[in-house]
Structure formats: structure tokens, C-alpha cells
PDB file of all heavy atoms in Angstrom:
ATOM      1  N   ASP A   1      74.719-123.010 132.250  1.00  0.00           N
ATOM      2  CA  ASP A   1      73.961-122.226 133.215  1.00  0.00           C
ATOM      3  C   ASP A   1      74.422-120.786 132.828  1.00  0.00           C
ATOM      4  O   ASP A   1      75.523-120.350 133.165  1.00  0.00           O
ATOM      5  CB  ASP A   1      74.244-122.549 134.644  1.00  0.00           C
ATOM      6  CG  ASP A   1      73.480-121.764 135.555  1.00  0.00           C
ATOM      7  OD1 ASP A   1      72.298-121.368 135.220  1.00  0.00           O
ATOM      8  OD2 ASP A   1      73.914-121.505 136.763  1.00  0.00           O
ATOM      9  N   ALA A   2      73.600-120.093 132.102  1.00  0.00           N
ATOM     10  CA  ALA A   2      74.062-118.781 131.615  1.00  0.00           C
ATOM     11  C   ALA A   2      72.875-117.822 131.521  1.00  0.00           C
ATOM     12  O   ALA A   2      71.724-118.161 131.453  1.00  0.00           O
ATOM     13  CB  ALA A   2      74.454-118.980 130.136  1.00  0.00           C
ATOM     14  N   THR A   3      73.242-116.544 131.558  1.00  0.00           N
ATOM     15  CA  THR A   3      72.355-115.402 131.424  1.00  0.00           C
ATOM     16  C   THR A   3      73.083-114.533 130.534  1.00  0.00           C
ATOM     17  O   THR A   3      74.190-114.014 130.704  1.00  0.00           O
ATOM     18  CB  THR A   3      72.016-114.670 132.695  1.00  0.00           C
ATOM     19  OG1 THR A   3      71.423-115.515 133.617  1.00  0.00           O
ATOM     20  CG2 THR A   3      71.052-113.485 132.379  1.00  0.00           C
ATOM     21  N   TRP A   4      72.468-114.351 129.315  1.00  0.00           N
ATOM     22  CA  TRP A   4      73.060-113.492 128.212  1.00  0.00           C
ATOM     23  C   TRP A   4      72.198-112.251 127.944  1.00  0.00           C
ATOM     24  O   TRP A   4      71.020-112.356 128.099  1.00  0.00           O
ATOM     25  CB  TRP A   4      73.212-114.227 126.934  1.00  0.00           C
ATOM     26  CG  TRP A   4      73.969-115.426 127.047  1.00  0.00           C
ATOM     27  CD1 TRP A   4      75.038-115.698 127.800  1.00  0.00           C
ATOM     28  CD2 TRP A   4      73.842-116.734 126.310  1.00  0.00           C
ATOM     29  NE1 TRP A   4      75.466-117.031 127.624  1.00  0.00           N
ATOM     30  CE2 TRP A   4      74.701-117.745 126.650  1.00  0.00           C
ATOM     31  CE3 TRP A   4      72.787-117.087 125.280  1.00  0.00           C
ATOM     32  CZ2 TRP A   4      74.764-118.987 126.164  1.00  0.00           C
ATOM     33  CZ3 TRP A   4      72.966-118.380 124.854  1.00  0.00           C
ATOM     34  CH2 TRP A   4      73.958-119.261 125.191  1.00  0.00           C
ATOM     35  N   GLN A   5      72.774-111.171 127.659  1.00  0.00           N
ATOM     36  CA  GLN A   5      72.112-109.965 127.242  1.00  0.00           C
ATOM     37  C   GLN A   5      72.296-109.793 125.680  1.00  0.00           C
ATOM     38  O   GLN A   5      73.354-109.921 125.156  1.00  0.00           O
ATOM     39  CB  GLN A   5      72.731-108.750 127.946  1.00  0.00           C
ATOM     40  CG  GLN A   5      72.631-108.789 129.391  1.00  0.00           C
ATOM     41  CD  GLN A   5      73.292-107.643 130.037  1.00  0.00           C
ATOM     42  OE1 GLN A   5      73.065-106.473 129.581  1.00  0.00           O
ATOM     43  NE2 GLN A   5      73.963-107.949 131.029  1.00  0.00           N
ATOM     44  N   VAL A   6      71.204-109.569 124.961  1.00  0.00           N
ATOM     45  CA  VAL A   6      71.246-109.442 123.555  1.00  0.00           C
ATOM     46  C   VAL A   6      70.484-108.169 123.075  1.00  0.00           C
ATOM     47  O   VAL A   6      69.313-107.965 123.634  1.00  0.00           O
ATOM     48  CB  VAL A   6      70.685-110.644 122.846  1.00  0.00           C
ATOM     49  CG1 VAL A   6      70.734-110.540 121.407  1.00  0.00           C
ATOM     50  CG2 VAL A   6      71.376-111.896 123.310  1.00  0.00           C
ATOM     51  N   LEU A   7      71.172-107.376 122.328  1.00  0.00           N
ATOM     52  CA  LEU A   7      70.437-106.139 121.775  1.00  0.00           C
ATOM     53  C   LEU A   7      70.342-106.230 120.238  1.00  0.00           C
ATOM     54  O   LEU A   7      71.187-106.800 119.596  1.00  0.00           O
ATOM     55  CB  LEU A   7      71.486-104.907 121.995  1.00  0.00           C
ATOM     56  CG  LEU A   7      71.015-103.586 121.558  1.00  0.00           C
ATOM     57  CD1 LEU A   7      71.084-102.547 122.674  1.00  0.00           C
ATOM     58  CD2 LEU A   7      71.816-103.091 120.298  1.00  0.00           C
ATOM     59  N   THR A   8      69.173-105.850 119.844  1.00  0.00           N
ATOM     60  CA  THR A   8      68.910-105.811 118.309  1.00  0.00           C
ATOM     61  C   THR A   8      68.572-104.382 117.949  1.00  0.00           C
ATOM     62  O   THR A   8      67.850-103.684 118.595  1.00  0.00           O
ATOM     63  CB  THR A   8      67.817-106.701 117.926  1.00  0.00           C
ATOM     64  OG1 THR A   8      66.550-106.248 118.560  1.00  0.00           O
ATOM     65  CG2 THR A   8      68.096-108.153 118.290  1.00  0.00           C
ATOM     66  N   SER A   9      69.150-104.049 116.760  1.00  0.00           N
ATOM     67  CA  SER A   9      68.929-102.589 116.383  1.00  0.00           C
ATOM     68  C   SER A   9      69.089-102.503 114.858  1.00  0.00           C
ATOM     69  O   SER A   9      69.722-103.399 114.197  1.00  0.00           O
ATOM     70  CB  SER A   9      69.997-101.736 117.018  1.00  0.00           C
ATOM     71  OG  SER A   9      69.814-100.350 116.580  1.00  0.00           O
ATOM     72  N   VAL A  10      68.369-101.609 114.282  1.00  0.00           N
ATOM     73  CA  VAL A  10      68.498-101.389 112.755  1.00  0.00           C
ATOM     74  C   VAL A  10      69.466-100.154 112.567  1.00  0.00           C
ATOM     75  O   VAL A  10      69.295 -99.066 113.343  1.00  0.00           O
ATOM     76  CB  VAL A  10      67.203-101.010 112.136  1.00  0.00           C
ATOM     77  CG1 VAL A  10      67.473-100.489 110.627  1.00  0.00           C
ATOM     78  CG2 VAL A  10      66.263-102.232 112.076  1.00  0.00           C
ATOM     79  N   VAL A  11      70.545-100.317 111.921  1.00  0.00           N
ATOM     80  CA  VAL A  11      71.609 -99.295 111.686  1.00  0.00           C
ATOM     81  C   VAL A  11      71.796 -98.864 110.326  1.00  0.00           C
ATOM     82  O   VAL A  11      71.587 -99.643 109.460  1.00  0.00           O
ATOM     83  CB  VAL A  11      72.917 -99.662 112.413  1.00  0.00           C
ATOM     84  CG1 VAL A  11      72.799 -99.915 113.848  1.00  0.00           C
ATOM     85  CG2 VAL A  11      73.414-100.949 111.711  1.00  0.00           C
ATOM     86  N   PRO A  12      72.158 -97.570 110.060  1.00  0.00           N
ATOM     87  CA  PRO A  12      72.405 -97.168 108.672  1.00  0.00           C
ATOM     88  C   PRO A  12      73.777 -97.797 108.210  1.00  0.00           C
ATOM     89  O   PRO A  12      74.637 -97.933 108.981  1.00  0.00           O
ATOM     90  CB  PRO A  12      72.534 -95.734 108.760  1.00  0.00           C
ATOM     91  CG  PRO A  12      72.809 -95.336 110.109  1.00  0.00           C
ATOM     92  CD  PRO A  12      72.126 -96.484 110.999  1.00  0.00           C
ATOM     93  N   VAL A  13      73.841 -98.171 106.936  1.00  0.00           N
ATOM     94  CA  VAL A  13      75.013 -98.756 106.378  1.00  0.00           C
ATOM     95  C   VAL A  13      75.387 -97.888 105.201  1.00  0.00           C
ATOM     96  O   VAL A  13      74.668 -97.727 104.160  1.00  0.00           O
ATOM     97  CB  VAL A  13      74.765-100.222 105.951  1.00  0.00           C
ATOM     98  CG1 VAL A  13      76.072-100.763 105.323  1.00  0.00           C
ATOM     99  CG2 VAL A  13      74.399-101.065 107.173  1.00  0.00           C
ATOM    100  N   PRO A  14      76.629 -97.307 105.159  1.00  0.00           N
ATOM    101  CA  PRO A  14      77.082 -96.496 103.990  1.00  0.00           C
ATOM    102  C   PRO A  14      76.998 -97.358 102.730  1.00  0.00           C
ATOM    103  O   PRO A  14      77.270 -98.489 102.701  1.00  0.00           O
ATOM    104  CB  PRO A  14      78.515 -96.102 104.326  1.00  0.00           C
ATOM    105  CG  PRO A  14      78.570 -96.315 105.762  1.00  0.00           C
ATOM    106  CD  PRO A  14      77.660 -97.482 106.152  1.00  0.00           C
ATOM    107  N   HIS A  15      76.739 -96.737 101.655  1.00  0.00           N
ATOM    108  CA  HIS A  15      76.511 -97.411 100.293  1.00  0.00           C
ATOM    109  C   HIS A  15      77.387 -96.729  99.362  1.00  0.00           C
ATOM    110  O   HIS A  15      77.529 -95.534  99.213  1.00  0.00           O
ATOM    111  CB  HIS A  15      75.105 -97.418  99.789  1.00  0.00           C
ATOM    112  CG  HIS A  15      74.906 -98.033  98.575  1.00  0.00           C
ATOM    113  ND1 HIS A  15      74.968 -99.384  98.252  1.00  0.00           N
ATOM    114  CD2 HIS A  15      74.783 -97.427  97.309  1.00  0.00           C
ATOM    115  CE1 HIS A  15      74.727 -99.569  97.017  1.00  0.00           C
ATOM    116  NE2 HIS A  15      74.644 -98.494  96.449  1.00  0.00           N
ATOM    117  N   HIS A  16      78.146 -97.619  98.540  1.00  0.00           N
ATOM    118  CA  HIS A  16      78.978 -97.257  97.471  1.00  0.00           C
ATOM    119  C   HIS A  16      78.891 -98.515  96.349  1.00  0.00           C
ATOM    120  O   HIS A  16      79.209 -99.479  96.850  1.00  0.00           O
ATOM    121  CB  HIS A  16      80.392 -96.811  97.839  1.00  0.00           C
ATOM    122  CG  HIS A  16      81.111 -96.318  96.728  1.00  0.00           C
ATOM    123  ND1 HIS A  16      81.659 -96.989  95.621  1.00  0.00           N
ATOM    124  CD2 HIS A  16      81.468 -95.076  96.501  1.00  0.00           C
ATOM    125  CE1 HIS A  16      82.305 -96.268  94.816  1.00  0.00           C
ATOM    126  NE2 HIS A  16      82.160 -94.950  95.271  1.00  0.00           N
ATOM    127  N   PRO A  17      78.629 -98.143  95.178  1.00  0.00           N
ATOM    128  CA  PRO A  17      78.488 -99.273  94.272  1.00  0.00           C
ATOM    129  C   PRO A  17      79.607-100.225  94.047  1.00  0.00           C
ATOM    130  O   PRO A  17      79.582-101.317  93.765  1.00  0.00           O
ATOM    131  CB  PRO A  17      78.108 -98.587  92.954  1.00  0.00           C
ATOM    132  CG  PRO A  17      78.309 -97.203  93.107  1.00  0.00           C
ATOM    133  CD  PRO A  17      78.312 -96.878  94.655  1.00  0.00           C
ATOM    134  N   GLU A  18      80.898 -99.648  94.389  1.00  0.00           N
ATOM    135  CA  GLU A  18      82.047-100.392  94.130  1.00  0.00           C
ATOM    136  C   GLU A  18      82.746-101.070  95.345  1.00  0.00           C
ATOM    137  O   GLU A  18      83.746-101.717  95.265  1.00  0.00           O
ATOM    138  CB  GLU A  18      83.134 -99.566  93.454  1.00  0.00           C
ATOM    139  CG  GLU A  18      82.732 -99.065  92.030  1.00  0.00           C
ATOM    140  CD  GLU A  18      83.696 -98.053  91.346  1.00  0.00           C
ATOM    141  OE1 GLU A  18      84.875 -98.103  91.841  1.00  0.00           O
ATOM    142  OE2 GLU A  18      83.308 -97.452  90.597  1.00  0.00           O
ATOM    143  N   ILE A  19      81.966-100.832  96.490  1.00  0.00           N
ATOM    144  CA  ILE A  19      82.504-101.383  97.787  1.00  0.00           C
ATOM    145  C   ILE A  19      81.604-102.361  98.411  1.00  0.00           C
ATOM    146  O   ILE A  19      80.320-102.007  98.549  1.00  0.00           O
ATOM    147  CB  ILE A  19      82.834-100.181  98.715  1.00  0.00           C
ATOM    148  CG1 ILE A  19      83.847 -99.259  98.214  1.00  0.00           C
ATOM    149  CG2 ILE A  19      83.231-100.701 100.150  1.00  0.00           C
ATOM    150  CD1 ILE A  19      84.132 -98.112  99.013  1.00  0.00           C
ATOM    151  N   ASP A  20      82.016-103.495  98.804  1.00  0.00           N
ATOM    152  CA  ASP A  20      81.187-104.457  99.514  1.00  0.00           C
ATOM    153  C   ASP A  20      81.325-104.089 101.013  1.00  0.00           C
ATOM    154  O   ASP A  20      82.334-104.228 101.622  1.00  0.00           O
ATOM    155  CB  ASP A  20      81.864-105.863  99.249  1.00  0.00           C
ATOM    156  CG  ASP A  20      81.138-106.997 100.085  1.00  0.00           C
ATOM    157  OD1 ASP A  20      80.085-106.672 100.788  1.00  0.00           O
ATOM    158  OD2 ASP A  20      81.596-108.144 100.056  1.00  0.00           O
ATOM    159  N   PRO A  21      80.218-103.586 101.529  1.00  0.00           N
ATOM    160  CA  PRO A  21      80.295-103.201 102.950  1.00  0.00           C
ATOM    161  C   PRO A  21      80.636-104.236 103.918  1.00  0.00           C
ATOM    162  O   PRO A  21      81.306-104.079 104.869  1.00  0.00           O
ATOM    163  CB  PRO A  21      78.861-102.647 103.209  1.00  0.00           C
ATOM    164  CG  PRO A  21      77.958-103.091 102.114  1.00  0.00           C
ATOM    165  CD  PRO A  21      78.837-103.447 100.953  1.00  0.00           C
ATOM    166  N   ALA A  22      80.297-105.584 103.714  1.00  0.00           N
ATOM    167  CA  ALA A  22      80.589-106.656 104.565  1.00  0.00           C
ATOM    168  C   ALA A  22      82.088-106.834 104.525  1.00  0.00           C
ATOM    169  O   ALA A  22      82.783-107.005 105.563  1.00  0.00           O
ATOM    170  CB  ALA A  22      79.858-108.031 104.105  1.00  0.00           C
ATOM    171  N   ALA A  23      82.778-106.774 103.432  1.00  0.00           N
ATOM    172  CA  ALA A  23      84.183-106.959 103.261  1.00  0.00           C
ATOM    173  C   ALA A  23      84.873-105.905 103.964  1.00  0.00           C
ATOM    174  O   ALA A  23      85.951-106.046 104.671  1.00  0.00           O
ATOM    175  CB  ALA A  23      84.619-107.158 101.870  1.00  0.00           C
ATOM    176  N   ALA A  24      84.513-104.647 103.747  1.00  0.00           N
ATOM    177  CA  ALA A  24      85.122-103.369 104.215  1.00  0.00           C
ATOM    178  C   ALA A  24      84.982-103.425 105.838  1.00  0.00           C
ATOM    179  O   ALA A  24      86.020-103.181 106.460  1.00  0.00           O
ATOM    180  CB  ALA A  24      84.504-102.170 103.758  1.00  0.00           C
ATOM    181  N   LEU A  25      83.904-103.771 106.226  1.00  0.00           N
ATOM    182  CA  LEU A  25      83.683-103.853 107.769  1.00  0.00           C
ATOM    183  C   LEU A  25      84.508-104.893 108.331  1.00  0.00           C
ATOM    184  O   LEU A  25      85.062-104.794 109.334  1.00  0.00           O
ATOM    185  CB  LEU A  25      82.229-103.958 108.024  1.00  0.00           C
ATOM    186  CG  LEU A  25      81.828-103.950 109.594  1.00  0.00           C
ATOM    187  CD1 LEU A  25      82.228-102.717 110.330  1.00  0.00           C
ATOM    188  CD2 LEU A  25      80.313-104.188 109.738  1.00  0.00           C
ATOM    189  N   SER A  26      84.584-106.074 107.678  1.00  0.00           N
ATOM    190  CA  SER A  26      85.386-107.129 108.293  1.00  0.00           C
ATOM    191  C   SER A  26      86.911-106.850 108.315  1.00  0.00           C
ATOM    192  O   SER A  26      87.607-107.041 109.318  1.00  0.00           O
ATOM    193  CB  SER A  26      85.176-108.311 107.248  1.00  0.00           C
ATOM    194  OG  SER A  26      86.142-109.373 107.661  1.00  0.00           O
ATOM    195  N   THR A  27      87.387-106.056 107.385  1.00  0.00           N
ATOM    196  CA  THR A  27      88.756-105.553 107.315  1.00  0.00           C
ATOM    197  C   THR A  27      88.938-104.635 108.511  1.00  0.00           C
ATOM    198  O   THR A  27      89.905-104.618 109.285  1.00  0.00           O
ATOM    199  CB  THR A  27      89.191-104.899 106.058  1.00  0.00           C
ATOM    200  OG1 THR A  27      88.929-105.919 105.004  1.00  0.00           O
ATOM    201  CG2 THR A  27      90.591-104.393 106.028  1.00  0.00           C
ATOM    202  N   LEU A  28      87.993-103.585 108.595  1.00  0.00           N
ATOM    203  CA  LEU A  28      88.136-102.573 109.708  1.00  0.00           C
ATOM    204  C   LEU A  28      88.141-103.276 111.181  1.00  0.00           C
ATOM    205  O   LEU A  28      88.859-102.955 112.032  1.00  0.00           O
ATOM    206  CB  LEU A  28      87.048-101.597 109.718  1.00  0.00           C
ATOM    207  CG  LEU A  28      87.106-100.670 108.475  1.00  0.00           C
ATOM    208  CD1 LEU A  28      85.803 -99.780 108.420  1.00  0.00           C
ATOM    209  CD2 LEU A  28      88.325 -99.679 108.629  1.00  0.00           C
ATOM    210  N   LEU A  29      87.184-104.218 111.296  1.00  0.00           N
ATOM    211  CA  LEU A  29      86.946-104.992 112.598  1.00  0.00           C
ATOM    212  C   LEU A  29      88.341-105.739 112.854  1.00  0.00           C
ATOM    213  O   LEU A  29      88.728-105.721 114.069  1.00  0.00           O
ATOM    214  CB  LEU A  29      85.797-105.796 112.698  1.00  0.00           C
ATOM    215  CG  LEU A  29      84.524-104.984 112.643  1.00  0.00           C
ATOM    216  CD1 LEU A  29      83.284-106.050 112.571  1.00  0.00           C
ATOM    217  CD2 LEU A  29      84.334-104.248 113.880  1.00  0.00           C
ATOM    218  N   GLY A  30      88.772-106.470 111.916  1.00  0.00           N
ATOM    219  CA  GLY A  30      89.988-107.213 112.131  1.00  0.00           C
ATOM    220  C   GLY A  30      91.241-106.449 112.566  1.00  0.00           C
ATOM    221  O   GLY A  30      92.046-106.810 113.396  1.00  0.00           O
ATOM    222  N   ALA A  31      91.327-105.142 111.898  1.00  0.00           N
ATOM    223  CA  ALA A  31      92.398-104.309 112.139  1.00  0.00           C
ATOM    224  C   ALA A  31      92.260-103.653 113.505  1.00  0.00           C
ATOM    225  O   ALA A  31      93.219-103.371 114.243  1.00  0.00           O
ATOM    226  CB  ALA A  31      92.651-103.128 111.122  1.00  0.00           C
ATOM    227  N   ALA A  32      90.943-103.405 114.055  1.00  0.00           N
ATOM    228  CA  ALA A  32      90.770-102.718 115.270  1.00  0.00           C
ATOM    229  C   ALA A  32      91.004-103.632 116.497  1.00  0.00           C
ATOM    230  O   ALA A  32      91.295-103.114 117.570  1.00  0.00           O
ATOM    231  CB  ALA A  32      89.373-102.207 115.300  1.00  0.00           C
ATOM    232  N   SER A  33      90.827-104.857 116.331  1.00  0.00           N
ATOM    233  CA  SER A  33      90.999-105.803 117.501  1.00  0.00           C
ATOM    234  C   SER A  33      91.704-107.059 117.020  1.00  0.00           C
ATOM    235  O   SER A  33      91.168-107.864 116.364  1.00  0.00           O
ATOM    236  CB  SER A  33      89.606-106.173 118.071  1.00  0.00           C
ATOM    237  OG  SER A  33      89.904-107.115 119.194  1.00  0.00           O
ATOM    238  N   LEU A  34      92.936-107.113 117.452  1.00  0.00           N
ATOM    239  CA  LEU A  34      93.796-108.297 117.046  1.00  0.00           C
ATOM    240  C   LEU A  34      93.303-109.547 117.634  1.00  0.00           C
ATOM    241  O   LEU A  34      93.618-110.699 117.203  1.00  0.00           O
ATOM    242  CB  LEU A  34      95.219-108.092 117.401  1.00  0.00           C
ATOM    243  CG  LEU A  34      95.835-106.849 116.596  1.00  0.00           C
ATOM    244  CD1 LEU A  34      97.318-106.632 117.140  1.00  0.00           C
ATOM    245  CD2 LEU A  34      95.797-107.025 115.229  1.00  0.00           C
TER     246      LEU A  34
END
């Protein structure tokens, strides 16, 4: 028995040819919240 709120959005993602944005974001998120 649940009521959930869900938001969808398109957001800009920085681009650099030598950086995987998914891996970089994963590292940042993991460090931000233990």
C-alpha cells in the first residue's frame, strides 16, 4: 500500500572525451553519502 512521487527531467551532462560521466558521478555520489 504505497503512494510514490516521481519526477522526470532532462538535465545537461558535462562532456569530456577521456571521462566516463557515469563512473565520475558514481564516485561523487558514493563519497557524498556514505
